[in-house]
N, C-alpha and C. Protein backbone atom coordinates (compact mmCIF):
# COMPACT_ATOMS: atom_id res chain seq x y z
N GLN A 1 0.84 -1.19 0.00
CA GLN A 1 0.00 0.00 0.00
C GLN A 1 0.88 1.24 0.00
N VAL A 2 0.57 2.17 -0.89
CA VAL A 2 1.38 3.37 -1.02
C VAL A 2 1.09 4.32 0.12
N GLN A 3 2.15 4.83 0.71
CA GLN A 3 2.00 5.87 1.73
C GLN A 3 2.82 7.08 1.35
N LEU A 4 2.27 8.25 1.65
CA LEU A 4 2.95 9.51 1.39
C LEU A 4 3.18 10.22 2.71
N VAL A 5 4.39 10.72 2.90
CA VAL A 5 4.72 11.42 4.14
C VAL A 5 5.32 12.77 3.79
N GLU A 6 4.63 13.83 4.24
CA GLU A 6 5.11 15.19 3.99
C GLU A 6 5.96 15.67 5.16
N SER A 7 6.83 16.61 4.85
CA SER A 7 7.63 17.27 5.87
C SER A 7 8.05 18.64 5.36
N GLY A 8 8.56 19.46 6.27
CA GLY A 8 9.09 20.75 5.86
C GLY A 8 8.22 21.94 6.19
N GLY A 9 7.02 21.70 6.69
CA GLY A 9 6.17 22.82 7.05
C GLY A 9 6.68 23.52 8.29
N GLY A 10 6.06 24.65 8.59
CA GLY A 10 6.46 25.40 9.78
C GLY A 10 5.95 26.82 9.74
N LEU A 11 6.53 27.63 10.61
CA LEU A 11 6.17 29.03 10.72
C LEU A 11 7.25 29.88 10.06
N VAL A 12 6.83 30.79 9.20
CA VAL A 12 7.77 31.65 8.49
C VAL A 12 7.17 33.04 8.37
N GLN A 13 8.03 34.04 8.30
CA GLN A 13 7.56 35.41 8.15
C GLN A 13 7.23 35.71 6.70
N THR A 14 6.40 36.72 6.51
CA THR A 14 6.07 37.17 5.17
C THR A 14 7.35 37.45 4.38
N GLY A 15 7.39 36.94 3.15
CA GLY A 15 8.57 37.10 2.31
C GLY A 15 9.57 35.98 2.42
N GLY A 16 9.37 35.11 3.38
CA GLY A 16 10.29 34.00 3.58
C GLY A 16 10.03 32.85 2.63
N SER A 17 10.81 31.78 2.83
CA SER A 17 10.73 30.61 1.96
C SER A 17 10.65 29.33 2.79
N LEU A 18 10.04 28.33 2.19
CA LEU A 18 10.01 27.00 2.77
C LEU A 18 10.09 25.99 1.62
N ARG A 19 10.65 24.83 1.93
CA ARG A 19 10.63 23.74 0.97
C ARG A 19 9.95 22.54 1.61
N LEU A 20 8.86 22.12 1.01
CA LEU A 20 8.15 20.95 1.48
C LEU A 20 8.64 19.72 0.73
N SER A 21 8.61 18.59 1.42
CA SER A 21 8.98 17.32 0.81
C SER A 21 7.85 16.32 1.01
N CYS A 22 7.71 15.43 0.08
CA CYS A 22 6.73 14.35 0.19
C CYS A 22 7.41 13.08 -0.33
N THR A 23 7.57 12.13 0.55
CA THR A 23 8.24 10.89 0.20
C THR A 23 7.25 9.75 0.14
N ALA A 24 7.33 8.97 -0.93
CA ALA A 24 6.40 7.87 -1.15
C ALA A 24 7.06 6.54 -0.86
N SER A 25 6.34 5.69 -0.18
CA SER A 25 6.82 4.34 0.09
C SER A 25 6.23 3.42 -0.97
N VAL A 26 6.87 3.40 -2.12
CA VAL A 26 6.38 2.63 -3.25
C VAL A 26 7.56 2.29 -4.13
N ARG A 27 7.51 1.12 -4.78
CA ARG A 27 8.60 0.72 -5.67
C ARG A 27 8.56 1.48 -6.98
N THR A 28 7.36 1.69 -7.48
CA THR A 28 7.20 2.24 -8.84
C THR A 28 6.79 3.70 -8.79
N PHE A 29 7.60 4.51 -8.16
CA PHE A 29 7.29 5.94 -7.99
C PHE A 29 7.09 6.62 -9.33
N THR A 30 7.79 6.16 -10.35
CA THR A 30 7.72 6.82 -11.65
C THR A 30 6.38 6.58 -12.35
N ARG A 31 5.51 5.75 -11.80
CA ARG A 31 4.18 5.59 -12.38
C ARG A 31 3.24 6.73 -12.00
N TYR A 32 3.65 7.50 -10.99
CA TYR A 32 2.71 8.42 -10.38
C TYR A 32 2.90 9.86 -10.79
N THR A 33 1.80 10.49 -11.13
CA THR A 33 1.74 11.94 -11.16
C THR A 33 1.62 12.40 -9.71
N MET A 34 2.43 13.38 -9.34
CA MET A 34 2.45 13.87 -7.97
C MET A 34 1.96 15.31 -7.94
N THR A 35 1.15 15.61 -6.97
CA THR A 35 0.50 16.92 -6.91
C THR A 35 0.45 17.43 -5.48
N TRP A 36 0.55 18.73 -5.35
CA TRP A 36 0.36 19.40 -4.06
C TRP A 36 -0.97 20.13 -4.07
N PHE A 37 -1.71 19.97 -2.99
CA PHE A 37 -2.91 20.75 -2.72
C PHE A 37 -2.73 21.47 -1.39
N ARG A 38 -3.58 22.43 -1.14
CA ARG A 38 -3.57 23.08 0.16
C ARG A 38 -4.99 23.40 0.58
N GLN A 39 -5.18 23.49 1.88
CA GLN A 39 -6.49 23.82 2.40
C GLN A 39 -6.33 24.74 3.61
N ALA A 40 -6.88 25.92 3.47
CA ALA A 40 -6.88 26.89 4.56
C ALA A 40 -8.14 26.69 5.40
N PRO A 41 -8.13 27.13 6.64
CA PRO A 41 -9.31 26.97 7.50
C PRO A 41 -10.54 27.62 6.88
N GLY A 42 -11.62 26.86 6.83
CA GLY A 42 -12.87 27.37 6.31
C GLY A 42 -12.96 27.47 4.80
N LYS A 43 -11.93 26.97 4.11
CA LYS A 43 -11.92 27.05 2.65
C LYS A 43 -11.82 25.66 2.04
N GLU A 44 -12.17 25.58 0.76
CA GLU A 44 -12.07 24.32 0.06
C GLU A 44 -10.61 24.00 -0.27
N ARG A 45 -10.37 22.71 -0.49
CA ARG A 45 -9.04 22.30 -0.91
C ARG A 45 -8.70 22.94 -2.25
N GLU A 46 -7.49 23.40 -2.40
CA GLU A 46 -7.07 24.16 -3.56
C GLU A 46 -5.86 23.51 -4.22
N PHE A 47 -5.90 23.40 -5.54
CA PHE A 47 -4.76 22.88 -6.31
C PHE A 47 -3.60 23.86 -6.23
N VAL A 48 -2.40 23.31 -6.04
CA VAL A 48 -1.20 24.14 -5.99
C VAL A 48 -0.31 23.88 -7.20
N ALA A 49 0.13 22.63 -7.37
CA ALA A 49 1.05 22.31 -8.46
C ALA A 49 1.08 20.81 -8.68
N ALA A 50 1.41 20.41 -9.91
CA ALA A 50 1.50 18.99 -10.26
C ALA A 50 2.73 18.77 -11.12
N ILE A 51 3.24 17.54 -11.08
CA ILE A 51 4.40 17.17 -11.88
C ILE A 51 4.20 15.75 -12.38
N ILE A 52 4.45 15.56 -13.68
CA ILE A 52 4.23 14.23 -14.23
C ILE A 52 5.36 13.29 -13.84
N TRP A 53 5.24 12.02 -14.23
CA TRP A 53 6.13 10.98 -13.74
C TRP A 53 7.61 11.26 -14.02
N SER A 54 7.91 11.85 -15.15
CA SER A 54 9.31 12.07 -15.53
C SER A 54 9.86 13.39 -14.99
N GLY A 55 8.98 14.24 -14.51
CA GLY A 55 9.42 15.58 -14.13
C GLY A 55 9.51 16.52 -15.30
N GLY A 56 9.19 16.03 -16.50
CA GLY A 56 9.35 16.84 -17.70
C GLY A 56 8.29 17.91 -17.87
N SER A 57 7.16 17.74 -17.21
CA SER A 57 6.11 18.75 -17.30
C SER A 57 5.59 19.07 -15.91
N THR A 58 5.38 20.35 -15.69
CA THR A 58 4.83 20.82 -14.42
C THR A 58 3.65 21.74 -14.68
N PHE A 59 2.78 21.82 -13.70
CA PHE A 59 1.56 22.61 -13.83
C PHE A 59 1.31 23.33 -12.51
N TYR A 60 0.86 24.58 -12.61
CA TYR A 60 0.68 25.40 -11.43
C TYR A 60 -0.67 26.11 -11.43
N ALA A 61 -1.16 26.37 -10.23
CA ALA A 61 -2.27 27.30 -10.11
C ALA A 61 -1.79 28.65 -10.61
N ASP A 62 -2.62 29.30 -11.39
CA ASP A 62 -2.21 30.57 -12.00
C ASP A 62 -1.73 31.58 -10.96
N SER A 63 -2.38 31.60 -9.83
CA SER A 63 -2.07 32.61 -8.81
C SER A 63 -0.73 32.36 -8.13
N LEU A 64 -0.15 31.17 -8.33
CA LEU A 64 1.09 30.81 -7.64
C LEU A 64 2.30 30.74 -8.56
N LYS A 65 2.07 30.87 -9.85
CA LYS A 65 3.18 30.82 -10.79
C LYS A 65 4.22 31.89 -10.47
N GLY A 66 5.47 31.48 -10.52
CA GLY A 66 6.55 32.42 -10.26
C GLY A 66 7.02 32.43 -8.82
N ARG A 67 6.19 31.97 -7.90
CA ARG A 67 6.59 31.91 -6.49
C ARG A 67 6.84 30.48 -6.01
N PHE A 68 6.09 29.54 -6.56
CA PHE A 68 6.20 28.14 -6.14
C PHE A 68 6.81 27.32 -7.27
N THR A 69 7.61 26.33 -6.90
CA THR A 69 8.23 25.43 -7.87
C THR A 69 8.11 24.00 -7.39
N ILE A 70 7.56 23.15 -8.24
CA ILE A 70 7.45 21.73 -7.91
C ILE A 70 8.55 20.98 -8.66
N SER A 71 9.11 19.98 -8.00
CA SER A 71 10.15 19.15 -8.62
C SER A 71 10.08 17.76 -8.00
N ARG A 72 10.78 16.83 -8.59
CA ARG A 72 10.80 15.48 -8.04
C ARG A 72 12.15 14.85 -8.26
N ASP A 73 12.49 13.95 -7.36
CA ASP A 73 13.71 13.14 -7.46
C ASP A 73 13.24 11.69 -7.41
N ASN A 74 13.17 11.08 -8.57
CA ASN A 74 12.63 9.71 -8.64
C ASN A 74 13.54 8.70 -7.95
N ALA A 75 14.82 9.00 -7.87
CA ALA A 75 15.74 8.09 -7.17
C ALA A 75 15.47 8.07 -5.66
N LYS A 76 14.86 9.14 -5.16
CA LYS A 76 14.56 9.25 -3.73
C LYS A 76 13.06 9.10 -3.45
N ASN A 77 12.28 8.83 -4.47
CA ASN A 77 10.81 8.71 -4.31
C ASN A 77 10.22 9.94 -3.64
N THR A 78 10.72 11.09 -4.01
CA THR A 78 10.33 12.32 -3.30
C THR A 78 9.95 13.42 -4.28
N VAL A 79 8.91 14.14 -3.92
CA VAL A 79 8.50 15.34 -4.64
C VAL A 79 8.66 16.52 -3.69
N TYR A 80 9.04 17.65 -4.26
CA TYR A 80 9.31 18.85 -3.47
C TYR A 80 8.40 20.00 -3.91
N LEU A 81 8.18 20.90 -2.99
CA LEU A 81 7.51 22.16 -3.31
C LEU A 81 8.32 23.28 -2.69
N GLN A 82 9.01 24.03 -3.53
CA GLN A 82 9.76 25.20 -3.08
C GLN A 82 8.83 26.39 -3.11
N MET A 83 8.68 27.04 -1.97
CA MET A 83 7.76 28.17 -1.86
C MET A 83 8.55 29.41 -1.46
N ASN A 84 8.51 30.41 -2.31
CA ASN A 84 9.25 31.65 -2.08
C ASN A 84 8.28 32.82 -1.95
N SER A 85 8.78 33.91 -1.41
CA SER A 85 7.99 35.14 -1.24
C SER A 85 6.64 34.83 -0.62
N LEU A 86 6.67 34.10 0.46
CA LEU A 86 5.42 33.65 1.08
C LEU A 86 4.62 34.80 1.64
N LYS A 87 3.31 34.63 1.58
CA LYS A 87 2.36 35.63 2.04
C LYS A 87 1.45 35.03 3.10
N PRO A 88 0.84 35.84 3.94
CA PRO A 88 -0.09 35.29 4.94
C PRO A 88 -1.20 34.44 4.32
N GLU A 89 -1.63 34.79 3.13
CA GLU A 89 -2.69 34.02 2.48
C GLU A 89 -2.23 32.65 2.00
N ASP A 90 -0.93 32.37 2.09
CA ASP A 90 -0.43 31.03 1.79
C ASP A 90 -0.57 30.09 2.98
N THR A 91 -0.98 30.60 4.10
CA THR A 91 -1.16 29.78 5.29
C THR A 91 -2.22 28.72 5.04
N ALA A 92 -1.85 27.46 5.25
CA ALA A 92 -2.75 26.34 4.97
C ALA A 92 -2.07 25.04 5.37
N VAL A 93 -2.84 23.97 5.34
CA VAL A 93 -2.26 22.63 5.41
C VAL A 93 -1.98 22.19 3.98
N TYR A 94 -0.74 21.84 3.73
CA TYR A 94 -0.32 21.41 2.40
C TYR A 94 -0.22 19.89 2.38
N SER A 95 -0.88 19.30 1.38
CA SER A 95 -0.89 17.85 1.27
C SER A 95 -0.43 17.44 -0.12
N CYS A 96 0.31 16.35 -0.18
CA CYS A 96 0.65 15.80 -1.47
C CYS A 96 -0.30 14.64 -1.79
N ALA A 97 -0.46 14.42 -3.08
CA ALA A 97 -1.37 13.38 -3.55
C ALA A 97 -0.74 12.72 -4.77
N ALA A 98 -1.14 11.47 -5.00
CA ALA A 98 -0.57 10.70 -6.10
C ALA A 98 -1.67 10.01 -6.89
N ALA A 99 -1.44 9.95 -8.19
CA ALA A 99 -2.35 9.23 -9.08
C ALA A 99 -1.52 8.58 -10.17
N VAL A 100 -1.89 7.37 -10.53
CA VAL A 100 -1.11 6.64 -11.52
C VAL A 100 -1.35 7.22 -12.91
N TYR A 101 -0.27 7.64 -13.54
CA TYR A 101 -0.28 8.11 -14.93
C TYR A 101 -1.45 9.04 -15.24
N LEU A 102 -1.74 9.96 -14.34
CA LEU A 102 -2.83 10.90 -14.57
C LEU A 102 -2.47 11.82 -15.72
N THR A 103 -3.40 12.03 -16.62
CA THR A 103 -3.19 12.95 -17.73
C THR A 103 -4.40 13.86 -17.85
N GLY A 104 -4.22 14.91 -18.63
CA GLY A 104 -5.33 15.83 -18.85
C GLY A 104 -5.34 16.91 -17.81
N THR A 105 -6.29 16.89 -16.91
CA THR A 105 -6.35 17.89 -15.85
C THR A 105 -5.75 17.30 -14.58
N TYR A 106 -5.21 18.17 -13.75
CA TYR A 106 -4.52 17.71 -12.54
C TYR A 106 -5.08 18.35 -11.28
N SER A 107 -6.01 19.23 -11.43
CA SER A 107 -6.43 20.07 -10.31
C SER A 107 -7.64 19.54 -9.55
N ASN A 108 -8.18 18.40 -9.96
CA ASN A 108 -9.37 17.86 -9.29
C ASN A 108 -8.97 16.87 -8.20
N PRO A 109 -9.20 17.20 -6.94
CA PRO A 109 -8.79 16.28 -5.86
C PRO A 109 -9.42 14.90 -5.98
N GLN A 110 -10.57 14.81 -6.63
CA GLN A 110 -11.26 13.52 -6.74
C GLN A 110 -10.52 12.54 -7.65
N ASP A 111 -9.57 13.02 -8.43
CA ASP A 111 -8.79 12.14 -9.30
C ASP A 111 -7.67 11.43 -8.54
N TYR A 112 -7.46 11.79 -7.30
CA TYR A 112 -6.34 11.25 -6.52
C TYR A 112 -6.87 10.33 -5.42
N THR A 113 -6.26 9.17 -5.34
CA THR A 113 -6.70 8.20 -4.34
C THR A 113 -5.69 8.02 -3.21
N ILE A 114 -4.51 8.59 -3.37
CA ILE A 114 -3.46 8.43 -2.37
C ILE A 114 -3.08 9.81 -1.87
N TRP A 115 -3.15 9.98 -0.56
CA TRP A 115 -2.91 11.28 0.06
C TRP A 115 -1.97 11.14 1.26
N GLY A 116 -1.17 12.18 1.45
CA GLY A 116 -0.40 12.27 2.67
C GLY A 116 -1.23 12.87 3.79
N GLN A 117 -0.63 12.96 4.97
CA GLN A 117 -1.37 13.45 6.13
C GLN A 117 -1.40 14.97 6.19
N GLY A 118 -0.54 15.61 5.43
CA GLY A 118 -0.52 17.07 5.40
C GLY A 118 0.52 17.65 6.33
N THR A 119 0.99 18.84 5.98
CA THR A 119 1.93 19.56 6.82
C THR A 119 1.49 21.03 6.88
N GLN A 120 1.53 21.59 8.07
CA GLN A 120 1.03 22.95 8.28
C GLN A 120 2.09 23.98 7.87
N VAL A 121 1.65 24.94 7.10
CA VAL A 121 2.48 26.09 6.76
C VAL A 121 1.76 27.33 7.28
N THR A 122 2.46 28.10 8.09
CA THR A 122 1.90 29.32 8.65
C THR A 122 2.82 30.48 8.31
N VAL A 123 2.26 31.50 7.68
CA VAL A 123 3.03 32.67 7.30
C VAL A 123 2.54 33.84 8.13
N SER A 124 3.43 34.39 8.93
CA SER A 124 3.06 35.49 9.81
C SER A 124 3.27 36.83 9.11
N SER A 125 2.42 37.79 9.45
CA SER A 125 2.52 39.10 8.81
C SER A 125 3.41 40.03 9.61
């Protein structure tokens, strides 16, 4: 059974940076499209970024382009989310999700069956 474990969250000041990691306990990590979502209190889960199995293509929420970067290291079964110029509105629980060879759209949480437990990111003003 595939498990995802996130790490790297924490408290940071406005303008700061954090790098989140999500490590998968699976042999065939390269089968999976990996995606980050976030959910702030009282709000719906929101798509952040996705990366296909090879790392050759990445996709971002329009509002986050230029500040967030998703990457993966298939040798380490890990996907990363580098977050720069953080703002208080970025405060949320960030979760990674996996789907086998997902194509087309990546922003629908219902397309993902494997989820991590989430890591809290808090940006202070």
